Amino acid sequence: MFTMRMRAAAIGVAALALAGCSTVQTPSKDDPWEGLNRTMFTFNDKVDQYALKPVAQGYVKVTPQPVRDSVTNFFSNIGDVYNAANNILQLKIADGVEDIMRIVINTVFGVGGLFDVATLAKLPKHNQDLGLTLGHYGVPAGPYLVLPFLGPSTVRDAVGTAGNYFINPLTYVDPPALSWGLYGLNVVSTRANLLGASDILEGAAIDKYSFVRNGYLQRRRYQLSDGKGDASSNLPDYGEGAPPPKYEDVDQGAAPATAASGAGNAAAAAAAAPAASGAQAAGTSAFPAPLVGPTGAVAPNGASDTTVPADQMVPPARVGYPSLLRLR
């Protein structure tokens, strides 16, 4: 009986995927799987709408701002571990040393990373992951891909998540229940920091899927250039004499952050708009989630305003399977 149900579920998923693929007649070069990606995007959006977002809103209501800031800083300090590892793999020794110094200073003087002392000491925060490391050595990004629960990605970035899993210290936390608990808290904290950004996206984007996709791909190209390239050179062609929309005008001049539904979508889209509008890097060459990166955007709705990119708060980067799933 169980086998029959599993087969029925598999057939249903396959049918849904085929239905999604059939909805786009002329997919773009960067997004040949647009039909399937849109289906997955909608799935993530519904999960966020009915599960993750309400939990994040409750977290903001019951948790004081200083506590939320400390939670954000704690997971940001953990994120510096794989920042350092990837910078060293890319032979960016100076950046790797700075990451290690941030870990030591925040762990020792920041009470285990609850306070971001390293930023006060003028040590910049970088944002690296294995996808960027692979790109640094010439691995092509491949087609755009929306992952279930994790959000926007590419084939290269999806492969990189596996390596980030092994670099992430939370992977090795025992017992497994504690690892799951920390991961869940991290996801909720990240989504809480993106509440205002997702509200902006709802009002600013006619097609949320295209908005998030274009912003994500532009932002990854910007990251791969270490913020040295001209971000405006990656903008889509809006036609002669038609300037790109000014997303920073939304919400009375609020920071131009956007967010898609789901933890992964929200983290990626929060940085998409500034990258798309050619924003300059603010202290790092990393992907700007609603707190820092090439955007310098500030998380609204009472979220933490510490300098922490959102994808740094979801270890590792866009995946974080707790130790229960660890390969032994």
Protein backbone atom coordinates (compact mmCIF):
# COMPACT_ATOMS: atom_id res chain seq x y z
CA MET A 1 0.00 0.00 0.00
CA PHE A 2 2.82 2.37 0.90
CA THR A 3 4.58 1.59 -2.38
CA MET A 4 1.40 2.39 -4.31
CA ARG A 5 1.11 5.75 -2.58
CA MET A 6 4.74 6.57 -3.28
CA ARG A 7 4.28 5.74 -6.95
CA ALA A 8 1.15 7.89 -7.12
CA ALA A 9 2.99 10.80 -5.50
CA ALA A 10 5.91 10.42 -7.91
CA ILE A 11 3.54 10.40 -10.89
CA GLY A 12 1.81 13.51 -9.53
CA VAL A 13 5.09 15.38 -9.15
CA ALA A 14 6.17 14.36 -12.64
CA ALA A 15 2.85 15.51 -14.09
CA LEU A 16 3.16 18.84 -12.31
CA ALA A 17 6.69 19.29 -13.65
CA LEU A 18 5.61 18.48 -17.20
CA ALA A 19 2.68 20.84 -16.92
CA GLY A 20 4.99 23.61 -15.76
CA CYS A 21 7.43 22.99 -18.60
CA SER A 22 4.65 23.20 -21.17
CA THR A 23 3.54 26.70 -20.15
CA VAL A 24 6.50 28.54 -21.69
CA GLN A 25 6.79 28.37 -25.47
CA THR A 26 9.99 30.39 -25.93
CA PRO A 27 12.18 30.13 -22.82
CA SER A 28 15.19 32.42 -22.59
CA LYS A 29 18.78 31.28 -22.93
CA ASP A 30 19.48 31.76 -19.23
CA ASP A 31 16.22 30.09 -18.20
CA PRO A 32 15.46 27.14 -20.51
CA TRP A 33 13.47 25.44 -17.73
CA GLU A 34 11.22 28.43 -17.07
CA GLY A 35 8.02 26.42 -16.94
CA LEU A 36 9.30 24.07 -14.26
CA ASN A 37 11.01 26.95 -12.43
CA ARG A 38 7.78 28.96 -12.32
CA THR A 39 5.96 25.96 -10.90
CA MET A 40 8.60 25.58 -8.18
CA PHE A 41 8.57 29.34 -7.54
CA THR A 42 4.82 29.20 -6.97
CA PHE A 43 5.26 26.24 -4.63
CA ASN A 44 7.87 28.13 -2.59
CA ASP A 45 5.61 31.19 -2.56
CA LYS A 46 2.72 29.21 -1.10
CA VAL A 47 4.93 27.58 1.54
CA ASP A 48 6.12 31.02 2.56
CA GLN A 49 2.64 32.55 2.50
CA TYR A 50 0.99 29.92 4.69
CA ALA A 51 3.86 28.74 6.88
CA LEU A 52 7.12 30.64 7.01
CA LYS A 53 5.93 34.23 6.86
CA PRO A 54 3.34 33.89 9.65
CA VAL A 55 5.95 32.25 11.89
CA ALA A 56 8.41 35.05 11.14
CA GLN A 57 5.79 37.68 11.94
CA GLY A 58 5.08 35.99 15.26
CA TYR A 59 8.82 35.86 15.98
CA VAL A 60 9.09 39.61 15.44
CA LYS A 61 6.12 40.30 17.73
CA VAL A 62 7.32 38.23 20.68
CA THR A 63 11.09 38.73 20.40
CA PRO A 64 12.70 42.04 21.42
CA GLN A 65 14.86 43.80 18.85
CA PRO A 66 18.16 43.32 20.77
CA VAL A 67 17.53 39.58 20.97
CA ARG A 68 16.80 39.37 17.24
CA ASP A 69 19.99 41.31 16.54
CA SER A 70 21.99 38.87 18.65
CA VAL A 71 20.48 35.87 16.84
CA THR A 72 21.34 37.46 13.49
CA ASN A 73 24.91 38.18 14.62
CA PHE A 74 25.34 34.64 15.95
CA PHE A 75 24.52 33.00 12.62
CA SER A 76 26.49 35.64 10.76
CA ASN A 77 29.55 34.70 12.80
CA ILE A 78 29.04 31.07 11.79
CA GLY A 79 28.73 32.20 8.17
CA ASP A 80 32.20 33.74 8.37
CA VAL A 81 33.61 30.21 8.68
CA TYR A 82 32.66 29.26 5.13
CA ASN A 83 33.43 32.79 3.96
CA ALA A 84 36.99 32.23 5.13
CA ALA A 85 37.16 28.74 3.63
CA ASN A 86 35.99 29.88 0.20
CA ASN A 87 38.23 32.97 0.18
CA ILE A 88 41.21 30.75 0.91
CA LEU A 89 40.15 28.30 -1.80
CA GLN A 90 40.07 31.24 -4.20
CA LEU A 91 43.56 32.25 -2.99
CA LYS A 92 42.19 35.54 -1.64
CA ILE A 93 44.45 35.23 1.37
CA ALA A 94 43.96 38.75 2.71
CA ASP A 95 40.17 38.37 2.68
CA GLY A 96 40.45 34.92 4.25
CA VAL A 97 42.64 36.26 7.05
CA GLU A 98 40.13 39.07 7.68
CA ASP A 99 37.33 36.50 7.89
CA ILE A 100 39.31 34.47 10.42
CA MET A 101 40.02 37.60 12.45
CA ARG A 102 36.29 38.41 12.42
CA ILE A 103 35.50 34.94 13.76
CA VAL A 104 38.05 35.21 16.55
CA ILE A 105 37.10 38.76 17.58
CA ASN A 106 33.35 38.16 17.50
CA THR A 107 33.62 34.81 19.27
CA VAL A 108 35.91 36.07 22.04
CA PHE A 109 34.83 39.68 22.51
CA GLY A 110 31.34 39.37 21.04
CA VAL A 111 30.23 36.68 23.52
CA GLY A 112 30.16 33.80 21.07
CA GLY A 113 29.17 35.98 18.15
CA LEU A 114 26.12 37.59 19.76
CA PHE A 115 27.64 41.03 19.14
CA ASP A 116 29.33 42.18 15.92
CA VAL A 117 32.48 43.66 17.42
CA ALA A 118 34.53 43.00 14.29
CA THR A 119 32.50 45.45 12.22
CA LEU A 120 33.09 48.12 14.85
CA ALA A 121 36.79 47.30 14.50
CA LYS A 122 36.52 48.12 10.75
CA LEU A 123 36.96 44.52 9.61
CA PRO A 124 34.83 44.14 6.46
CA LYS A 125 32.43 41.24 6.09
CA HIS A 126 32.78 39.22 2.91
CA ASN A 127 30.23 36.92 1.39
CA GLN A 128 31.47 33.82 -0.38
CA ASP A 129 30.15 30.37 -1.17
CA LEU A 130 31.28 27.36 -3.14
CA GLY A 131 29.26 28.43 -6.17
CA LEU A 132 31.36 31.59 -6.40
CA THR A 133 34.52 29.55 -5.84
CA LEU A 134 33.62 27.28 -8.76
CA GLY A 135 32.86 30.34 -10.88
CA HIS A 136 36.20 31.87 -9.87
CA TYR A 137 37.91 28.90 -11.54
CA GLY A 138 35.87 29.14 -14.70
CA VAL A 139 32.98 26.74 -14.09
CA PRO A 140 29.99 28.11 -16.07
CA ALA A 141 26.84 28.99 -14.17
CA GLY A 142 24.56 26.84 -16.27
CA PRO A 143 20.79 27.38 -16.55
CA TYR A 144 18.78 29.22 -13.93
CA LEU A 145 17.17 26.85 -11.45
CA VAL A 146 14.60 27.35 -8.69
CA LEU A 147 15.13 24.83 -5.89
CA PRO A 148 12.29 23.67 -3.64
CA PHE A 149 12.39 25.55 -0.31
CA LEU A 150 15.80 27.04 -1.17
CA GLY A 151 14.78 29.41 -3.93
CA PRO A 152 16.78 30.94 -6.83
CA SER A 153 19.96 29.23 -7.94
CA THR A 154 21.84 28.01 -11.00
CA VAL A 155 23.16 24.54 -11.77
CA ARG A 156 26.62 25.62 -10.57
CA ASP A 157 25.27 27.18 -7.38
CA ALA A 158 23.09 24.14 -6.69
CA VAL A 159 26.16 21.90 -6.88
CA GLY A 160 28.00 24.33 -4.62
CA THR A 161 25.42 23.94 -1.87
CA ALA A 162 26.61 20.40 -1.22
CA GLY A 163 30.14 21.63 -0.49
CA ASN A 164 28.82 24.47 1.65
CA TYR A 165 27.00 21.88 3.73
CA PHE A 166 30.26 20.21 4.72
CA ILE A 167 31.93 23.55 5.49
CA ASN A 168 29.09 24.74 7.71
CA PRO A 169 29.82 24.19 11.45
CA LEU A 170 26.13 23.59 12.20
CA THR A 171 26.38 20.40 10.15
CA TYR A 172 28.45 18.84 12.93
CA VAL A 173 26.31 19.86 15.90
CA ASP A 174 25.12 16.99 18.09
CA PRO A 175 22.56 15.87 19.09
CA PRO A 176 20.67 16.08 15.79
CA ALA A 177 17.67 17.69 17.51
CA LEU A 178 19.83 20.67 18.48
CA SER A 179 21.14 20.95 14.94
CA TRP A 180 17.59 21.00 13.56
CA GLY A 181 16.55 23.54 16.18
CA LEU A 182 19.41 25.91 15.31
CA TYR A 183 18.68 25.57 11.62
CA GLY A 184 14.99 26.32 12.16
CA LEU A 185 15.80 29.39 14.27
CA ASN A 186 18.18 30.57 11.57
CA VAL A 187 15.52 30.26 8.85
CA VAL A 188 12.92 32.11 10.94
CA SER A 189 15.40 34.86 11.82
CA THR A 190 16.33 35.28 8.17
CA ARG A 191 12.71 35.47 7.06
CA ALA A 192 11.92 37.97 9.80
CA ASN A 193 14.69 40.23 8.50
CA LEU A 194 13.01 40.14 5.07
CA LEU A 195 9.41 40.90 6.04
CA GLY A 196 9.46 44.49 4.85
CA ALA A 197 11.38 43.62 1.71
CA SER A 198 8.77 41.07 0.65
CA ASP A 199 6.05 43.69 1.13
CA ILE A 200 7.93 46.01 -1.23
CA LEU A 201 8.18 43.27 -3.84
CA GLU A 202 4.45 42.64 -3.70
CA GLY A 203 3.78 46.23 -4.69
CA ALA A 204 6.71 46.84 -7.02
CA ALA A 205 6.93 43.79 -9.29
CA ILE A 206 4.33 42.97 -11.90
CA ASP A 207 5.93 39.58 -12.47
CA LYS A 208 7.68 38.50 -9.29
CA TYR A 209 9.29 35.49 -10.93
CA SER A 210 11.01 37.50 -13.66
CA PHE A 211 12.00 40.24 -11.22
CA VAL A 212 13.67 37.78 -8.85
CA ARG A 213 15.32 35.76 -11.63
CA ASN A 214 16.85 38.76 -13.39
CA GLY A 215 18.02 40.32 -10.15
CA TYR A 216 19.52 37.06 -8.92
CA LEU A 217 21.51 36.43 -12.10
CA GLN A 218 22.76 40.03 -12.20
CA ARG A 219 23.75 39.90 -8.57
CA ARG A 220 25.72 36.67 -9.05
CA ARG A 221 27.61 38.17 -11.97
CA TYR A 222 28.35 41.20 -9.82
CA GLN A 223 29.63 38.97 -7.00
CA LEU A 224 31.81 36.97 -9.33
CA SER A 225 33.51 40.18 -10.45
CA ASP A 226 34.24 41.04 -6.79
CA GLY A 227 32.19 44.19 -7.21
CA LYS A 228 34.76 45.61 -9.63
CA GLY A 229 32.61 45.38 -12.71
CA ASP A 230 30.06 47.94 -13.75
CA ALA A 231 26.80 46.62 -12.37
CA SER A 232 24.87 48.67 -14.90
CA SER A 233 26.51 46.70 -17.71
CA ASN A 234 24.48 43.66 -16.67
CA LEU A 235 21.15 45.44 -16.88
CA PRO A 236 18.56 44.17 -19.33
CA ASP A 237 17.81 46.29 -22.39
CA TYR A 238 14.64 48.26 -21.67
CA GLY A 239 14.70 49.90 -25.08
CA GLU A 240 16.16 53.16 -26.36
CA GLY A 241 15.28 56.16 -24.24
CA ALA A 242 13.56 54.07 -21.58
CA PRO A 243 15.56 54.07 -18.34
CA PRO A 244 15.21 51.13 -15.96
CA PRO A 245 12.64 51.57 -13.19
CA LYS A 246 13.85 53.24 -9.99
CA TYR A 247 12.95 50.73 -7.35
CA GLU A 248 14.47 52.94 -4.67
CA ASP A 249 11.47 55.26 -5.03
CA VAL A 250 9.19 52.60 -3.63
CA ASP A 251 7.84 53.03 -0.12
CA GLN A 252 8.91 56.67 0.33
CA GLY A 253 12.55 56.15 -0.41
CA ALA A 254 12.97 52.94 1.53
CA ALA A 255 16.01 50.84 0.85
CA PRO A 256 15.58 49.17 -2.53
CA ALA A 257 15.37 45.66 -1.20
CA THR A 258 12.97 43.05 -2.53
CA ALA A 259 12.09 39.55 -1.49
CA ALA A 260 10.45 36.55 -3.04
CA SER A 261 8.40 34.07 -1.09
CA GLY A 262 10.19 31.29 0.75
CA ALA A 263 13.41 31.57 2.71
CA GLY A 264 15.61 31.08 -0.34
CA ASN A 265 13.55 33.33 -2.60
CA ALA A 266 13.40 36.07 0.02
CA ALA A 267 17.11 36.09 0.64
CA ALA A 268 17.94 36.27 -3.03
CA ALA A 269 15.41 38.87 -4.09
CA ALA A 270 16.20 41.21 -1.21
CA ALA A 271 19.42 42.08 -2.96
CA ALA A 272 18.18 41.87 -6.51
CA ALA A 273 16.81 45.36 -7.02
CA PRO A 274 19.95 47.27 -6.00
CA ALA A 275 22.10 45.09 -8.23
CA ALA A 276 19.69 45.62 -11.07
CA SER A 277 19.80 49.39 -10.61
CA GLY A 278 23.59 49.49 -10.63
CA ALA A 279 24.05 50.13 -6.93
CA GLN A 280 27.59 50.42 -5.63
CA ALA A 281 29.06 47.95 -3.17
CA ALA A 282 28.80 48.97 0.47
CA GLY A 283 31.76 47.49 2.27
CA THR A 284 31.76 44.05 0.65
CA SER A 285 31.78 42.45 -2.76
CA ALA A 286 29.19 39.98 -1.64
CA PHE A 287 25.60 39.34 -2.47
CA PRO A 288 23.60 42.01 -0.72
CA ALA A 289 20.71 40.71 1.20
CA PRO A 290 18.54 43.15 3.04
CA LEU A 291 21.28 44.11 5.40
CA VAL A 292 24.54 44.61 3.49
CA GLY A 293 26.51 43.62 0.41
CA PRO A 294 26.52 45.58 -2.81
CA THR A 295 23.27 47.14 -1.70
CA GLY A 296 23.76 48.59 1.73
CA ALA A 297 20.03 48.07 2.16
CA VAL A 298 18.56 47.98 5.63
CA ALA A 299 16.08 45.36 6.70
CA PRO A 300 12.72 47.00 7.49
CA ASN A 301 9.92 46.12 9.91
CA GLY A 302 12.08 46.01 12.98
CA ALA A 303 14.51 43.49 11.57
CA SER A 304 18.13 43.50 12.52
CA ASP A 305 20.15 46.32 11.00
CA THR A 306 23.50 44.67 11.56
CA THR A 307 25.69 44.11 8.53
CA VAL A 308 24.68 40.57 7.69
CA PRO A 309 23.75 39.34 4.22
CA ALA A 310 20.63 37.22 4.37
CA ASP A 311 22.13 34.22 2.61
CA GLN A 312 24.83 34.23 5.28
CA MET A 313 22.16 33.71 7.88
CA VAL A 314 20.87 30.52 6.28
CA PRO A 315 23.80 28.14 6.67
CA PRO A 316 25.36 27.13 4.48
CA ALA A 317 24.43 29.92 2.04
CA ARG A 318 21.30 28.38 0.53
CA VAL A 319 21.21 24.96 2.19
CA GLY A 320 21.67 23.74 5.72
CA TYR A 321 20.75 20.15 6.38
CA PRO A 322 21.32 19.44 10.05
CA SER A 323 23.51 16.68 11.36
CA LEU A 324 20.71 14.13 11.21
CA LEU A 325 21.40 13.90 7.47
CA ARG A 326 25.18 14.01 7.78
CA LEU A 327 27.07 11.42 5.78
CA ARG A 328 29.02 9.13 8.04
